[in-house]
């Protein structure tokens, strides 16, 4: 009995040893398999599978909501990036490209010049409106005034001068100079000079013939007397009731660097210039986007000299 018990114990011990050895061998084989290098295909499959990364989110889960409801990334639940000021301190106001990135229209640098001119005033209805618009846009202009209007509305003429705009002579009575004698022409111009000087303390060398009507001899007569005849390059025909949109389109199409645009601050068809008041701010904005700065006629002439 003793021998048999001992033998049974040996068998038990031997069986346990064999079982442990088998377990160790199988564990070694499994470990060796997991340490073998991955093939390129296996590598791509595992790196794309975010679920195999601790803490990762399966790729399918990140796109399910977008596929069901293709709205913005915010609505789809994707994380948003907080607005962080640029490291160099740039802002939309100081850098045009920054404004463009934020969906804002960057201001256009002025590389050209144009002169806005207004004839036939002053008055107390439209001329103040023109001045208000010019002030709003910080634009300068030139007003060719009629003598009899100057006498009737001296305060408006003074405002034109005080706000930095230039003043030109447009005759006393808005007369067609081609139908007047030389003496009559001189009287028209001189009387207006005196009315202007009485209010702002100085007269002006600039003259614009009413209707643009002037003969070669009249032009010579005025220039020999030191007068500067100022014509225009773009006629808006605002006095005729032209629609504001048509005026803006015409001005934008025909204006060139150094151009002079003709408008009015008094008169008009049936005494109305509402179209001019509507078109003027649109015109200024459009020309600014085209790279124009607004200057007076004397400033424009100085650049050409």
Protein backbone atom coordinates (compact mmCIF):
# COMPACT_ATOMS: atom_id res chain seq x y z
CA UNK A 1 0.00 0.00 0.00
CA UNK A 2 2.79 2.40 0.82
CA UNK A 3 4.44 1.88 -2.55
CA UNK A 4 1.17 2.44 -4.38
CA UNK A 5 0.47 5.66 -2.51
CA UNK A 6 3.92 6.93 -3.33
CA UNK A 7 3.43 6.02 -6.95
CA UNK A 8 0.13 7.80 -7.06
CA UNK A 9 1.71 10.89 -5.62
CA UNK A 10 4.45 10.75 -8.25
CA UNK A 11 1.87 10.45 -10.94
CA UNK A 12 0.03 13.45 -9.60
CA UNK A 13 3.22 15.47 -9.44
CA UNK A 14 4.25 14.35 -12.89
CA UNK A 15 0.84 15.21 -14.33
CA UNK A 16 0.95 18.70 -12.79
CA UNK A 17 4.44 19.26 -14.19
CA UNK A 18 3.38 18.27 -17.68
CA UNK A 19 0.35 20.59 -17.50
CA UNK A 20 2.52 23.56 -16.40
CA UNK A 21 5.05 22.88 -19.16
CA UNK A 22 2.29 22.78 -21.77
CA UNK A 23 0.84 26.07 -20.52
CA UNK A 24 4.26 27.76 -20.61
CA UNK A 25 4.95 26.55 -24.16
CA UNK A 26 1.54 27.75 -25.42
CA UNK A 27 1.97 31.17 -23.73
CA UNK A 28 5.42 31.56 -25.34
CA UNK A 29 4.04 30.78 -28.78
CA UNK A 30 1.21 33.36 -28.33
CA UNK A 31 3.66 36.04 -27.17
CA UNK A 32 5.94 35.41 -30.12
CA UNK A 33 3.03 35.79 -32.56
CA UNK A 34 1.95 39.15 -31.11
CA UNK A 35 5.49 40.55 -31.41
CA UNK A 36 5.93 39.72 -35.09
CA UNK A 37 6.16 42.84 -37.38
CA UNK A 38 2.95 43.92 -39.15
CA UNK A 39 2.66 43.92 -42.91
CA UNK A 40 1.89 47.28 -44.58
CA UNK A 41 -1.74 46.35 -45.08
CA UNK A 42 -2.14 45.25 -41.50
CA UNK A 43 -0.47 48.48 -40.29
CA UNK A 44 -2.86 50.73 -42.23
CA UNK A 45 -5.85 48.77 -41.03
CA UNK A 46 -4.87 49.16 -37.42
CA UNK A 47 -3.89 52.83 -37.51
CA UNK A 48 -7.17 53.78 -39.23
CA UNK A 49 -9.13 51.80 -36.67
CA UNK A 50 -9.31 54.33 -33.84
CA UNK A 51 -11.15 51.83 -31.68
CA UNK A 52 -7.89 49.90 -31.28
CA UNK A 53 -6.30 52.97 -29.62
CA UNK A 54 -6.96 53.38 -25.90
CA UNK A 55 -9.45 56.23 -25.44
CA UNK A 56 -10.03 56.56 -29.20
CA UNK A 57 -13.42 56.91 -30.93
CA UNK A 58 -14.28 54.65 -33.85
CA UNK A 59 -14.13 56.59 -37.15
CA UNK A 60 -17.66 55.54 -38.04
CA UNK A 61 -18.98 57.12 -34.87
CA UNK A 62 -17.51 60.54 -35.76
CA UNK A 63 -19.34 60.71 -39.13
CA UNK A 64 -22.66 59.03 -38.42
CA UNK A 65 -24.44 62.25 -37.46
CA UNK A 66 -23.00 64.16 -40.41
CA UNK A 67 -24.20 61.48 -42.82
CA UNK A 68 -27.70 61.55 -41.37
CA UNK A 69 -28.03 65.34 -41.27
CA UNK A 70 -25.46 67.19 -43.44
CA UNK A 71 -25.46 70.55 -41.65
CA UNK A 72 -22.61 72.57 -40.26
CA UNK A 73 -19.97 70.92 -38.11
CA UNK A 74 -21.28 72.75 -35.06
CA UNK A 75 -24.82 71.44 -35.55
CA UNK A 76 -23.46 67.96 -36.16
CA UNK A 77 -21.82 67.97 -32.75
CA UNK A 78 -18.20 68.31 -33.91
CA UNK A 79 -15.90 70.25 -31.59
CA UNK A 80 -15.36 73.90 -32.40
CA UNK A 81 -12.09 75.78 -32.26
CA UNK A 82 -12.13 78.83 -29.98
CA UNK A 83 -11.18 82.18 -31.47
CA UNK A 84 -7.59 82.86 -30.46
CA UNK A 85 -5.94 86.21 -31.30
CA UNK A 86 -2.98 85.85 -33.70
CA UNK A 87 0.38 85.64 -31.99
CA UNK A 88 1.62 88.75 -33.78
CA UNK A 89 -1.32 90.86 -32.62
CA UNK A 90 -2.78 91.37 -36.10
CA UNK A 91 -6.40 92.43 -36.35
CA UNK A 92 -8.93 92.69 -39.17
CA UNK A 93 -8.66 96.47 -38.98
CA UNK A 94 -4.87 96.56 -39.29
CA UNK A 95 -4.47 93.86 -41.93
CA UNK A 96 -6.78 93.59 -44.98
CA UNK A 97 -6.02 89.89 -45.37
CA UNK A 98 -7.22 89.26 -41.84
CA UNK A 99 -10.49 91.00 -42.64
CA UNK A 100 -10.92 88.90 -45.75
CA UNK A 101 -10.41 85.73 -43.71
CA UNK A 102 -13.17 86.85 -41.36
CA UNK A 103 -15.58 87.44 -44.24
CA UNK A 104 -15.26 91.21 -44.18
CA UNK A 105 -14.59 93.34 -47.21
CA UNK A 106 -11.20 94.94 -46.83
CA UNK A 107 -10.92 98.63 -47.74
CA UNK A 108 -9.39 99.33 -51.14
CA UNK A 109 -6.28 101.50 -51.20
CA UNK A 110 -6.88 104.69 -53.20
CA UNK A 111 -4.50 104.87 -56.14
CA UNK A 112 -6.54 107.22 -58.39
CA UNK A 113 -8.20 110.60 -58.03
CA UNK A 114 -11.52 112.03 -59.17
CA UNK A 115 -13.27 115.35 -58.62
CA UNK A 116 -16.99 115.58 -57.84
CA UNK A 117 -18.51 118.88 -58.96
CA UNK A 118 -21.94 120.39 -58.28
CA UNK A 119 -23.42 123.22 -60.32
CA UNK A 120 -26.16 125.88 -59.95
CA UNK A 121 -26.37 126.18 -56.15
CA UNK A 122 -26.39 126.99 -53.41
CA UNK A 123 -29.89 126.44 -52.08
CA UNK A 124 -31.40 125.32 -48.78
CA UNK A 125 -32.93 122.04 -50.00
CA UNK A 126 -30.40 119.99 -51.94
CA UNK A 127 -27.04 121.66 -51.28
CA UNK A 128 -27.17 120.86 -47.53
CA UNK A 129 -28.03 117.25 -48.36
CA UNK A 130 -25.02 117.03 -50.66
CA UNK A 131 -22.83 118.50 -47.94
CA UNK A 132 -24.16 115.99 -45.40
CA UNK A 133 -23.33 113.06 -47.68
CA UNK A 134 -19.86 114.38 -48.45
CA UNK A 135 -19.20 114.85 -44.75
CA UNK A 136 -20.37 111.33 -43.99
CA UNK A 137 -17.91 109.87 -46.51
CA UNK A 138 -15.13 112.38 -45.80
CA UNK A 139 -15.10 113.36 -49.46
CA UNK A 140 -14.21 116.78 -50.87
CA UNK A 141 -15.91 118.38 -53.86
CA UNK A 142 -16.10 121.59 -55.89
CA UNK A 143 -19.23 123.76 -56.13
CA UNK A 144 -19.73 126.04 -59.12
CA UNK A 145 -22.14 128.60 -57.77
CA UNK A 146 -24.52 131.06 -59.41
CA UNK A 147 -24.22 134.67 -58.17
CA UNK A 148 -27.90 135.27 -57.51
CA UNK A 149 -28.06 132.03 -55.46
CA UNK A 150 -25.05 133.11 -53.44
CA UNK A 151 -26.78 136.36 -52.49
CA UNK A 152 -29.95 134.50 -51.51
CA UNK A 153 -28.24 131.77 -49.46
CA UNK A 154 -24.99 133.15 -48.03
CA UNK A 155 -24.97 130.79 -45.04
CA UNK A 156 -24.95 127.75 -47.28
CA UNK A 157 -22.04 129.13 -49.29
CA UNK A 158 -20.18 129.76 -46.04
CA UNK A 159 -20.78 126.16 -45.00
CA UNK A 160 -19.38 124.92 -48.32
CA UNK A 161 -16.22 126.92 -47.68
CA UNK A 162 -15.92 126.07 -43.98
CA UNK A 163 -16.15 122.33 -44.65
CA UNK A 164 -13.15 122.41 -46.97
CA UNK A 165 -14.77 122.30 -50.39
CA UNK A 166 -13.70 124.47 -53.32
CA UNK A 167 -15.87 127.12 -54.97
CA UNK A 168 -16.03 128.11 -58.61
CA UNK A 169 -17.83 130.85 -60.57
CA UNK A 170 -20.85 129.75 -62.62
CA UNK A 171 -21.95 133.24 -63.77
CA UNK A 172 -24.45 135.55 -62.14
CA UNK A 173 -27.64 134.49 -63.88
CA UNK A 174 -26.76 131.08 -65.35
CA UNK A 175 -26.54 132.77 -68.70
CA UNK A 176 -25.51 131.22 -72.00
CA UNK A 177 -22.22 133.03 -72.49
CA UNK A 178 -22.17 132.38 -76.22
CA UNK A 179 -25.15 134.73 -76.60
CA UNK A 180 -23.61 137.60 -74.65
CA UNK A 181 -21.23 140.35 -75.62
CA UNK A 182 -17.76 140.45 -74.12
CA UNK A 183 -18.83 143.24 -71.74
CA UNK A 184 -21.86 141.25 -70.60
CA UNK A 185 -19.73 138.17 -69.97
CA UNK A 186 -17.31 140.17 -67.84
CA UNK A 187 -20.21 141.59 -65.84
CA UNK A 188 -21.66 138.11 -65.19
CA UNK A 189 -18.32 136.86 -63.90
CA UNK A 190 -17.34 139.95 -61.94
CA UNK A 191 -20.68 140.27 -60.11
CA UNK A 192 -20.45 136.66 -58.96
CA UNK A 193 -16.85 137.16 -57.85
CA UNK A 194 -17.91 140.06 -55.66
CA UNK A 195 -20.79 138.11 -54.09
CA UNK A 196 -18.49 135.18 -53.23
CA UNK A 197 -15.74 137.39 -51.84
CA UNK A 198 -18.18 139.25 -49.62
CA UNK A 199 -19.10 136.00 -47.84
CA UNK A 200 -15.86 133.97 -47.66
CA UNK A 201 -13.30 136.74 -48.01
CA UNK A 202 -11.87 135.69 -51.39
CA UNK A 203 -12.95 135.21 -54.97
CA UNK A 204 -12.09 132.25 -57.20
CA UNK A 205 -10.19 131.93 -60.47
CA UNK A 206 -12.27 128.94 -61.58
CA UNK A 207 -15.10 129.47 -64.06
CA UNK A 208 -17.49 126.96 -65.52
CA UNK A 209 -19.65 128.13 -68.40
CA UNK A 210 -23.37 127.40 -67.93
CA UNK A 211 -24.48 124.50 -70.15
CA UNK A 212 -20.82 124.06 -71.04
CA UNK A 213 -21.47 126.55 -73.80
CA UNK A 214 -18.42 128.61 -74.65
CA UNK A 215 -16.80 129.80 -77.85
CA UNK A 216 -13.11 129.71 -78.60
CA UNK A 217 -12.93 133.50 -78.42
CA UNK A 218 -14.71 133.61 -75.06
CA UNK A 219 -12.38 130.93 -73.73
CA UNK A 220 -9.37 132.95 -74.84
CA UNK A 221 -10.81 136.10 -73.31
CA UNK A 222 -11.30 134.44 -69.94
CA UNK A 223 -7.99 132.60 -69.82
CA UNK A 224 -6.08 135.75 -70.81
CA UNK A 225 -7.67 137.41 -67.78
CA UNK A 226 -6.25 134.68 -65.53
CA UNK A 227 -9.38 132.56 -65.39
CA UNK A 228 -9.32 128.75 -65.29
CA UNK A 229 -12.06 127.24 -67.44
CA UNK A 230 -13.23 124.00 -65.85
CA UNK A 231 -15.16 121.51 -67.95
CA UNK A 232 -16.00 117.88 -67.08
CA UNK A 233 -15.26 114.39 -68.32
CA UNK A 234 -18.41 112.59 -67.10
CA UNK A 235 -21.92 114.08 -67.31
CA UNK A 236 -24.39 112.24 -65.08
CA UNK A 237 -27.34 114.13 -66.62
CA UNK A 238 -28.86 114.16 -63.16
CA UNK A 239 -30.80 117.33 -64.00
CA UNK A 240 -32.86 115.39 -66.57
CA UNK A 241 -34.25 112.87 -64.08
CA UNK A 242 -31.84 110.02 -64.86
CA UNK A 243 -32.41 107.07 -62.52
CA UNK A 244 -29.90 106.82 -59.70
CA UNK A 245 -28.81 103.30 -60.67
CA UNK A 246 -28.14 104.41 -64.24
CA UNK A 247 -26.03 107.31 -62.99
CA UNK A 248 -23.91 105.06 -60.81
CA UNK A 249 -23.39 102.60 -63.65
CA UNK A 250 -22.45 105.37 -66.08
CA UNK A 251 -20.01 106.98 -63.65
CA UNK A 252 -18.33 103.69 -62.82
CA UNK A 253 -17.97 102.85 -66.50
CA UNK A 254 -16.66 106.20 -67.73
CA UNK A 255 -14.62 107.61 -64.87
CA UNK A 256 -10.86 107.60 -65.39
CA UNK A 257 -8.01 108.73 -63.18
CA UNK A 258 -8.06 112.54 -63.04
CA UNK A 259 -11.69 112.70 -64.16
CA UNK A 260 -14.26 115.38 -63.29
CA UNK A 261 -17.88 114.34 -62.67
CA UNK A 262 -20.73 116.80 -63.31
CA UNK A 263 -23.77 116.90 -61.00
CA UNK A 264 -26.06 119.58 -59.56
CA UNK A 265 -27.03 120.84 -56.13
CA UNK A 266 -29.93 123.01 -57.33
CA UNK A 267 -32.42 122.97 -60.20
CA UNK A 268 -33.17 119.75 -62.00
CA UNK A 269 -36.24 118.60 -63.89
CA UNK A 270 -39.29 120.17 -62.23
CA UNK A 271 -36.93 121.48 -59.58
CA UNK A 272 -36.16 117.99 -58.27
CA UNK A 273 -32.80 116.36 -57.67
CA UNK A 274 -33.91 113.47 -55.48
CA UNK A 275 -32.19 111.07 -57.87
CA UNK A 276 -28.89 112.84 -57.24
CA UNK A 277 -29.28 112.51 -53.47
CA UNK A 278 -30.00 108.81 -53.87
CA UNK A 279 -27.16 108.18 -56.31
CA UNK A 280 -24.41 110.17 -54.59
CA UNK A 281 -23.64 107.82 -51.67
CA UNK A 282 -23.82 104.78 -53.96
CA UNK A 283 -21.52 106.51 -56.41
CA UNK A 284 -18.97 107.36 -53.72
CA UNK A 285 -18.96 103.81 -52.38
CA UNK A 286 -18.57 102.32 -55.86
CA UNK A 287 -15.71 104.63 -56.82
CA UNK A 288 -13.96 103.97 -53.51
CA UNK A 289 -14.06 100.26 -54.25
CA UNK A 290 -12.56 101.07 -57.65
CA UNK A 291 -9.61 102.75 -55.89
CA UNK A 292 -10.57 106.44 -56.20
CA UNK A 293 -9.94 109.25 -53.73
CA UNK A 294 -12.18 112.33 -53.89
CA UNK A 295 -10.37 115.64 -54.28
CA UNK A 296 -11.22 119.20 -55.25
CA UNK A 297 -10.58 120.53 -58.74
CA UNK A 298 -7.59 122.66 -57.57
CA UNK A 299 -6.07 119.58 -55.95
CA UNK A 300 -6.62 117.60 -59.14
CA UNK A 301 -5.00 120.32 -61.24
CA UNK A 302 -2.04 120.49 -58.86
CA UNK A 303 -1.38 116.78 -59.40
CA UNK A 304 -1.32 117.27 -63.16
CA UNK A 305 1.17 120.12 -63.05
